[in-house]
Protein backbone atom coordinates (compact mmCIF):
# COMPACT_ATOMS: atom_id res chain seq x y z
CA GLN A 1 0.00 0.00 0.00
CA VAL A 2 1.38 3.37 -1.06
CA GLN A 3 1.71 6.05 1.60
CA LEU A 4 2.90 9.64 1.28
CA VAL A 5 4.25 11.79 4.11
CA GLU A 6 4.86 15.52 3.62
CA SER A 7 7.15 17.76 5.65
CA GLY A 8 8.80 21.14 5.46
CA GLY A 9 5.89 23.50 5.96
CA GLY A 10 5.98 26.38 8.38
CA LEU A 11 5.71 30.11 8.89
CA VAL A 12 7.74 32.41 6.65
CA GLN A 13 7.72 36.09 5.81
CA THR A 14 6.82 37.48 2.42
CA GLY A 15 9.70 36.97 0.03
CA GLY A 16 11.05 34.00 1.95
CA SER A 17 11.61 30.42 0.87
CA LEU A 18 10.56 26.96 1.95
CA ARG A 19 11.29 23.49 0.67
CA LEU A 20 8.61 20.86 0.98
CA SER A 21 9.38 17.14 0.88
CA CYS A 22 7.14 14.14 0.31
CA VAL A 23 8.47 10.68 1.08
CA ALA A 24 6.69 7.75 -0.53
CA SER A 25 6.56 4.21 0.81
CA GLY A 26 5.11 1.10 -0.74
CA ALA A 27 5.26 -0.09 -4.31
CA ILE A 28 4.85 2.79 -6.74
CA TRP A 29 4.74 1.74 -10.36
CA SER A 30 5.93 3.77 -13.31
CA PRO A 31 4.86 5.58 -15.32
CA ASN A 32 3.15 7.88 -12.85
CA ILE A 33 2.62 11.54 -12.13
CA MET A 34 3.46 13.07 -8.76
CA GLY A 35 2.28 16.49 -7.80
CA TRP A 36 1.81 19.18 -5.21
CA TYR A 37 -1.63 20.62 -4.58
CA ARG A 38 -2.79 23.24 -2.12
CA GLN A 39 -5.97 24.23 -0.39
CA ALA A 40 -6.47 27.59 1.25
CA PRO A 41 -9.20 28.14 3.85
CA GLY A 42 -12.59 28.34 2.19
CA LYS A 43 -11.23 27.46 -1.24
CA GLN A 44 -11.05 24.34 -3.38
CA ARG A 45 -7.91 22.29 -3.69
CA GLU A 46 -5.83 23.39 -6.67
CA MET A 47 -2.87 22.02 -8.56
CA VAL A 48 0.45 23.73 -7.85
CA ALA A 49 2.91 21.63 -9.85
CA THR A 50 3.25 18.13 -11.27
CA ILE A 51 6.11 16.00 -12.51
CA THR A 52 6.03 12.76 -14.45
CA SER A 53 8.24 9.79 -13.68
CA GLY A 54 10.18 10.84 -16.78
CA GLY A 55 10.79 14.32 -15.39
CA SER A 56 8.35 16.48 -17.36
CA THR A 57 6.99 19.32 -15.24
CA HIS A 58 3.89 21.49 -15.26
CA TYR A 59 3.15 24.54 -13.11
CA ALA A 60 0.11 26.56 -12.26
CA ASP A 61 0.40 30.12 -13.56
CA PRO A 62 0.53 31.79 -10.10
CA VAL A 63 3.70 29.88 -9.14
CA LYS A 64 5.61 29.86 -12.43
CA GLY A 65 9.08 31.23 -12.00
CA ARG A 66 8.90 31.01 -8.20
CA PHE A 67 8.37 27.33 -7.44
CA ALA A 68 10.31 24.30 -8.66
CA ILE A 69 9.18 20.69 -8.43
CA SER A 70 11.62 17.81 -8.52
CA ARG A 71 11.73 14.15 -7.65
CA ASP A 72 14.36 11.64 -6.56
CA ASN A 73 13.07 8.33 -7.83
CA GLY A 74 15.86 6.41 -6.12
CA ASN A 75 14.84 7.75 -2.71
CA TYR A 76 11.10 7.88 -3.49
CA THR A 77 10.99 11.58 -2.58
CA LEU A 78 9.17 14.51 -4.14
CA TYR A 79 10.24 18.11 -3.51
CA LEU A 80 8.79 21.56 -3.94
CA GLN A 81 11.19 24.49 -3.68
CA MET A 82 9.16 27.63 -3.03
CA ASN A 83 10.86 31.00 -3.44
CA SER A 84 9.58 34.58 -3.32
CA LEU A 85 6.64 33.47 -1.25
CA LYS A 86 3.54 35.64 -1.07
CA PRO A 87 0.68 35.77 1.45
CA GLU A 88 -1.59 34.25 -1.20
CA ASP A 89 0.59 31.11 -1.12
CA THR A 90 -0.72 30.41 2.38
CA ALA A 91 -2.44 27.02 2.31
CA ASP A 92 -2.22 23.38 3.26
CA TYR A 93 0.01 21.65 0.72
CA TYR A 94 -0.64 18.05 -0.30
CA CYS A 95 1.44 15.52 -2.17
CA ASN A 96 -0.20 13.15 -4.64
CA VAL A 97 0.81 10.20 -6.80
CA LEU A 98 -1.38 9.24 -9.73
CA ARG A 99 -1.15 6.29 -12.08
CA SER A 100 -4.04 5.52 -14.40
CA LEU A 101 -2.73 2.17 -15.65
CA PRO A 102 -3.07 -1.00 -13.56
CA PRO A 103 -2.02 -1.19 -10.78
CA ARG A 104 -3.70 2.18 -10.32
CA HIS A 105 -2.59 4.74 -7.76
CA ASN A 106 -4.34 7.86 -6.54
CA VAL A 107 -2.87 8.51 -3.13
CA TRP A 108 -2.74 11.70 -1.06
CA GLY A 109 -0.55 12.65 1.84
CA GLN A 110 -1.86 14.21 5.03
CA GLY A 111 -0.70 17.70 4.12
CA THR A 112 1.71 20.27 5.50
CA GLN A 113 0.76 23.83 6.38
CA VAL A 114 2.46 26.82 4.82
CA THR A 115 1.80 30.30 6.21
CA VAL A 116 3.27 33.40 4.62
CA SER A 117 3.05 36.54 6.72
CA SER A 118 2.89 40.00 5.19
């Protein structure tokens, strides 16, 4: 059974940086897509960035140029480097792994909170 555990959230001032990590355990099959999503209070969960097992990345417009997603397949870890943080980046950040082929995966972590103060 696949499990994801996020870490690295916290409180940071506007303009600061944080690095989120997501460690995966269990058998994750390739190809797959891993991603970071966020949910602010009172809002729907939204995609932040995704990366395929081959390394192709995709970013939401609000974070382009500020955030960078990467993955270490050997250590089963997903990262999100967040720079130039803004108050509107404040949210709970979730890690996800998705595989549409059998054996299918659609697993979420428990989330890590990011708060950016103005």
